[in-house]
Amino acid sequence: MEKAKLLVTEFFNAIDQQNWKKVEKIFAPSVLLDYSSMTGVEAAYMTPTQVIDRWKEFLPGFQHTHHQLGNFVDELDRESAHVFCYVTASHYLEHEEGSIWKVIGSYNIELNTDVRGEWQIEALKLNYKYQTGNLKLPDLARERAKSNIIG
């Protein structure tokens, strides 16, 4: 099971590094993305490119992001795995009203194996608890990303 947990950690590290090629490789060809507990938008199956394009709309507008994972619980069989973990997602953008926006919650992550027997993420569900900090930062980051103001 260590490989599945390691892949989840590598996945969030790749997001923080904006290594979109690595993120794409970790995803299955179809991914169920569910952020409904935070956004109210229904879960939907998407391609890795669609998910990444959505994240590229705002994540590059932050100067830094940091996903801290912990309290892993996992279940595994031969071809599928379920990984649960807590997350504190910190987003930094210098601003006079506060430079940090944090999202606190947990993830339920479903993995399967590809034809080579490698783990890949097929479902990602955020279980939103709360957010804190400067709640204006996501919109500011979106504006920066749209204008190609990076870092």
C-alpha atoms as a PDB file:
ATOM      1  CA  MET A   1       0.000   0.000   0.000  1.00  0.00           C
ATOM      2  CA  GLU A   2       2.940   2.311   0.467  1.00  0.00           C
ATOM      3  CA  LYS A   3       3.038   2.803  -3.299  1.00  0.00           C
ATOM      4  CA  ALA A   4      -0.536   4.135  -3.362  1.00  0.00           C
ATOM      5  CA  LYS A   5       0.113   6.564  -0.479  1.00  0.00           C
ATOM      6  CA  LEU A   6       3.398   7.623  -2.049  1.00  0.00           C
ATOM      7  CA  LEU A   7       1.618   8.313  -5.340  1.00  0.00           C
ATOM      8  CA  VAL A   8      -0.940  10.522  -3.540  1.00  0.00           C
ATOM      9  CA  THR A   9       1.898  12.478  -1.908  1.00  0.00           C
ATOM     10  CA  GLU A  10       3.724  12.796  -5.251  1.00  0.00           C
ATOM     11  CA  PHE A  11       0.479  13.989  -6.834  1.00  0.00           C
ATOM     12  CA  PHE A  12       0.014  16.891  -4.408  1.00  0.00           C
ATOM     13  CA  ASN A  13       3.725  17.746  -4.572  1.00  0.00           C
ATOM     14  CA  ALA A  14       3.408  17.935  -8.369  1.00  0.00           C
ATOM     15  CA  ILE A  15       0.418  20.278  -8.020  1.00  0.00           C
ATOM     16  CA  ASP A  16       2.413  22.564  -5.698  1.00  0.00           C
ATOM     17  CA  GLN A  17       5.304  22.526  -8.187  1.00  0.00           C
ATOM     18  CA  GLN A  18       2.854  23.056 -11.062  1.00  0.00           C
ATOM     19  CA  ASN A  19       4.361  20.032 -12.758  1.00  0.00           C
ATOM     20  CA  TRP A  20       1.273  19.461 -14.869  1.00  0.00           C
ATOM     21  CA  LYS A  21       2.861  16.692 -16.975  1.00  0.00           C
ATOM     22  CA  LYS A  22       3.426  14.634 -13.828  1.00  0.00           C
ATOM     23  CA  VAL A  23      -0.093  15.361 -12.562  1.00  0.00           C
ATOM     24  CA  GLU A  24      -1.470  14.192 -15.911  1.00  0.00           C
ATOM     25  CA  LYS A  25       0.572  10.950 -15.763  1.00  0.00           C
ATOM     26  CA  ILE A  26      -0.772  10.177 -12.280  1.00  0.00           C
ATOM     27  CA  PHE A  27      -4.407  10.519 -13.355  1.00  0.00           C
ATOM     28  CA  ALA A  28      -6.397   7.715 -14.962  1.00  0.00           C
ATOM     29  CA  PRO A  29      -7.791   8.523 -18.446  1.00  0.00           C
ATOM     30  CA  SER A  30     -11.100   9.506 -16.809  1.00  0.00           C
ATOM     31  CA  VAL A  31     -11.233  11.116 -13.359  1.00  0.00           C
ATOM     32  CA  LEU A  32     -14.239  11.712 -11.119  1.00  0.00           C
ATOM     33  CA  LEU A  33     -13.562  15.153  -9.636  1.00  0.00           C
ATOM     34  CA  ASP A  34     -15.725  16.104  -6.641  1.00  0.00           C
ATOM     35  CA  TYR A  35     -15.256  19.444  -4.901  1.00  0.00           C
ATOM     36  CA  SER A  36     -19.022  19.783  -4.324  1.00  0.00           C
ATOM     37  CA  SER A  37     -18.672  20.086  -0.542  1.00  0.00           C
ATOM     38  CA  MET A  38     -16.804  23.368  -1.084  1.00  0.00           C
ATOM     39  CA  THR A  39     -18.095  24.710  -4.393  1.00  0.00           C
ATOM     40  CA  GLY A  40     -21.613  23.317  -4.698  1.00  0.00           C
ATOM     41  CA  VAL A  41     -20.748  22.165  -8.231  1.00  0.00           C
ATOM     42  CA  GLU A  42     -21.734  18.536  -8.851  1.00  0.00           C
ATOM     43  CA  ALA A  43     -19.059  15.879  -9.212  1.00  0.00           C
ATOM     44  CA  ALA A  44     -18.169  15.150 -12.829  1.00  0.00           C
ATOM     45  CA  TYR A  45     -16.038  12.784 -14.864  1.00  0.00           C
ATOM     46  CA  MET A  46     -13.290  14.695 -16.638  1.00  0.00           C
ATOM     47  CA  THR A  47     -10.147  14.002 -18.595  1.00  0.00           C
ATOM     48  CA  PRO A  48      -6.838  14.825 -16.891  1.00  0.00           C
ATOM     49  CA  THR A  49      -6.443  17.763 -19.295  1.00  0.00           C
ATOM     50  CA  GLN A  50      -9.833  19.177 -18.284  1.00  0.00           C
ATOM     51  CA  VAL A  51      -8.972  18.947 -14.571  1.00  0.00           C
ATOM     52  CA  ILE A  52      -5.553  20.521 -15.058  1.00  0.00           C
ATOM     53  CA  ASP A  53      -6.975  23.303 -17.234  1.00  0.00           C
ATOM     54  CA  ARG A  54      -9.425  24.110 -14.443  1.00  0.00           C
ATOM     55  CA  TRP A  55      -6.623  24.264 -11.858  1.00  0.00           C
ATOM     56  CA  LYS A  56      -4.456  26.358 -14.192  1.00  0.00           C
ATOM     57  CA  GLU A  57      -7.173  29.030 -14.113  1.00  0.00           C
ATOM     58  CA  PHE A  58      -6.085  30.068 -10.619  1.00  0.00           C
ATOM     59  CA  LEU A  59      -3.258  28.063  -9.010  1.00  0.00           C
ATOM     60  CA  PRO A  60      -0.464  29.713 -11.061  1.00  0.00           C
ATOM     61  CA  GLY A  61      -1.733  33.088  -9.807  1.00  0.00           C
ATOM     62  CA  PHE A  62      -0.535  32.297  -6.289  1.00  0.00           C
ATOM     63  CA  GLN A  63       3.088  32.901  -5.402  1.00  0.00           C
ATOM     64  CA  HIS A  64       3.156  29.594  -3.507  1.00  0.00           C
ATOM     65  CA  THR A  65       0.855  26.690  -2.694  1.00  0.00           C
ATOM     66  CA  HIS A  66       1.467  23.981  -0.124  1.00  0.00           C
ATOM     67  CA  HIS A  67      -0.690  20.891   0.386  1.00  0.00           C
ATOM     68  CA  GLN A  68       0.103  19.320   3.760  1.00  0.00           C
ATOM     69  CA  LEU A  69      -1.252  15.774   4.027  1.00  0.00           C
ATOM     70  CA  GLY A  70      -1.607  13.572   7.084  1.00  0.00           C
ATOM     71  CA  ASN A  71      -3.552  10.937   8.996  1.00  0.00           C
ATOM     72  CA  PHE A  72      -3.556   8.513   6.072  1.00  0.00           C
ATOM     73  CA  VAL A  73      -5.998   5.613   6.153  1.00  0.00           C
ATOM     74  CA  ASP A  74      -5.980   3.189   3.271  1.00  0.00           C
ATOM     75  CA  GLU A  75      -7.690   0.090   1.963  1.00  0.00           C
ATOM     76  CA  LEU A  76      -6.240  -2.018  -0.801  1.00  0.00           C
ATOM     77  CA  ASP A  77      -6.946  -4.982  -2.974  1.00  0.00           C
ATOM     78  CA  ARG A  78      -5.049  -6.240  -5.983  1.00  0.00           C
ATOM     79  CA  GLU A  79      -6.291  -3.705  -8.551  1.00  0.00           C
ATOM     80  CA  SER A  80      -7.848  -0.871  -6.552  1.00  0.00           C
ATOM     81  CA  ALA A  81      -7.127   1.220  -3.507  1.00  0.00           C
ATOM     82  CA  HIS A  82      -8.871   3.840  -1.410  1.00  0.00           C
ATOM     83  CA  VAL A  83      -6.731   6.455   0.341  1.00  0.00           C
ATOM     84  CA  PHE A  84      -8.177   8.875   2.883  1.00  0.00           C
ATOM     85  CA  CYS A  85      -6.068  11.728   4.204  1.00  0.00           C
ATOM     86  CA  TYR A  86      -6.397  15.071   5.934  1.00  0.00           C
ATOM     87  CA  VAL A  87      -5.304  18.148   4.000  1.00  0.00           C
ATOM     88  CA  THR A  88      -4.379  21.694   4.830  1.00  0.00           C
ATOM     89  CA  ALA A  89      -3.984  23.544   1.545  1.00  0.00           C
ATOM     90  CA  SER A  90      -2.132  26.829   2.039  1.00  0.00           C
ATOM     91  CA  HIS A  91      -2.108  29.411  -0.747  1.00  0.00           C
ATOM     92  CA  TYR A  92       0.183  32.448  -0.559  1.00  0.00           C
ATOM     93  CA  LEU A  93      -0.166  35.713  -2.453  1.00  0.00           C
ATOM     94  CA  GLU A  94       1.311  38.939  -1.092  1.00  0.00           C
ATOM     95  CA  HIS A  95      -1.582  41.265  -0.206  1.00  0.00           C
ATOM     96  CA  GLU A  96      -2.056  44.100   2.291  1.00  0.00           C
ATOM     97  CA  GLU A  97      -5.250  42.511   3.697  1.00  0.00           C
ATOM     98  CA  GLY A  98      -3.551  39.168   4.344  1.00  0.00           C
ATOM     99  CA  SER A  99      -1.370  36.952   2.209  1.00  0.00           C
ATOM    100  CA  ILE A 100      -2.618  33.478   3.191  1.00  0.00           C
ATOM    101  CA  TRP A 101      -5.756  31.578   2.215  1.00  0.00           C
ATOM    102  CA  LYS A 102      -6.125  28.081   3.689  1.00  0.00           C
ATOM    103  CA  VAL A 103      -8.575  25.317   2.920  1.00  0.00           C
ATOM    104  CA  ILE A 104      -8.898  22.600   5.560  1.00  0.00           C
ATOM    105  CA  GLY A 105     -10.537  19.246   4.952  1.00  0.00           C
ATOM    106  CA  SER A 106      -9.794  15.728   3.846  1.00  0.00           C
ATOM    107  CA  TYR A 107      -9.662  13.763   0.623  1.00  0.00           C
ATOM    108  CA  ASN A 108     -11.106  10.438  -0.423  1.00  0.00           C
ATOM    109  CA  ILE A 109      -8.969   9.236  -3.304  1.00  0.00           C
ATOM    110  CA  GLU A 110      -9.739   6.178  -5.412  1.00  0.00           C
ATOM    111  CA  LEU A 111      -6.935   4.520  -7.319  1.00  0.00           C
ATOM    112  CA  ASN A 112      -6.753   1.668  -9.784  1.00  0.00           C
ATOM    113  CA  THR A 113      -3.950   0.008 -11.669  1.00  0.00           C
ATOM    114  CA  ASP A 114      -3.229   0.603 -15.332  1.00  0.00           C
ATOM    115  CA  VAL A 115      -2.227  -2.099 -17.831  1.00  0.00           C
ATOM    116  CA  ARG A 116       1.361  -1.965 -16.521  1.00  0.00           C
ATOM    117  CA  GLY A 117       0.192  -2.496 -12.941  1.00  0.00           C
ATOM    118  CA  GLU A 118       0.995   1.104 -11.917  1.00  0.00           C
ATOM    119  CA  TRP A 119      -1.330   2.998  -9.575  1.00  0.00           C
ATOM    120  CA  GLN A 120      -3.320   5.899 -11.020  1.00  0.00           C
ATOM    121  CA  ILE A 121      -5.915   8.228  -9.500  1.00  0.00           C
ATOM    122  CA  GLU A 122      -9.441   7.712 -10.837  1.00  0.00           C
ATOM    123  CA  ALA A 123     -11.451   9.734  -8.284  1.00  0.00           C
ATOM    124  CA  LEU A 124     -10.642  12.725  -6.096  1.00  0.00           C
ATOM    125  CA  LYS A 125     -13.187  13.940  -3.535  1.00  0.00           C
ATOM    126  CA  LEU A 126     -12.585  16.891  -1.231  1.00  0.00           C
ATOM    127  CA  ASN A 127     -14.418  16.760   2.097  1.00  0.00           C
ATOM    128  CA  TYR A 128     -14.426  20.470   2.900  1.00  0.00           C
ATOM    129  CA  LYS A 129     -14.360  21.526   6.564  1.00  0.00           C
ATOM    130  CA  TYR A 130     -13.569  25.234   6.502  1.00  0.00           C
ATOM    131  CA  GLN A 131     -11.424  27.964   5.008  1.00  0.00           C
ATOM    132  CA  THR A 132      -9.546  30.722   6.736  1.00  0.00           C
ATOM    133  CA  GLY A 133      -7.426  33.718   5.896  1.00  0.00           C
ATOM    134  CA  ASN A 134      -7.931  36.224   3.103  1.00  0.00           C
ATOM    135  CA  LEU A 135     -10.914  34.905   1.160  1.00  0.00           C
ATOM    136  CA  LYS A 136     -10.257  37.450  -1.614  1.00  0.00           C
ATOM    137  CA  LEU A 137      -7.052  35.672  -2.653  1.00  0.00           C
ATOM    138  CA  PRO A 138      -8.643  33.033  -4.933  1.00  0.00           C
ATOM    139  CA  ASP A 139     -10.230  35.743  -7.100  1.00  0.00           C
ATOM    140  CA  LEU A 140      -7.008  37.768  -7.120  1.00  0.00           C
ATOM    141  CA  ALA A 141      -5.022  34.662  -8.083  1.00  0.00           C
ATOM    142  CA  ARG A 142      -7.519  33.920 -10.868  1.00  0.00           C
ATOM    143  CA  GLU A 143      -7.021  37.461 -12.232  1.00  0.00           C
ATOM    144  CA  ARG A 144      -3.229  37.066 -12.052  1.00  0.00           C
ATOM    145  CA  ALA A 145      -3.329  33.672 -13.788  1.00  0.00           C
ATOM    146  CA  LYS A 146      -5.593  35.063 -16.504  1.00  0.00           C
ATOM    147  CA  SER A 147      -3.126  37.920 -17.066  1.00  0.00           C
ATOM    148  CA  ASN A 148      -0.163  35.500 -17.008  1.00  0.00           C
ATOM    149  CA  ILE A 149       1.250  37.108 -13.866  1.00  0.00           C
ATOM    150  CA  ILE A 150       2.967  34.073 -12.384  1.00  0.00           C
ATOM    151  CA  GLY A 151       4.677  33.758  -8.991  1.00  0.00           C
END
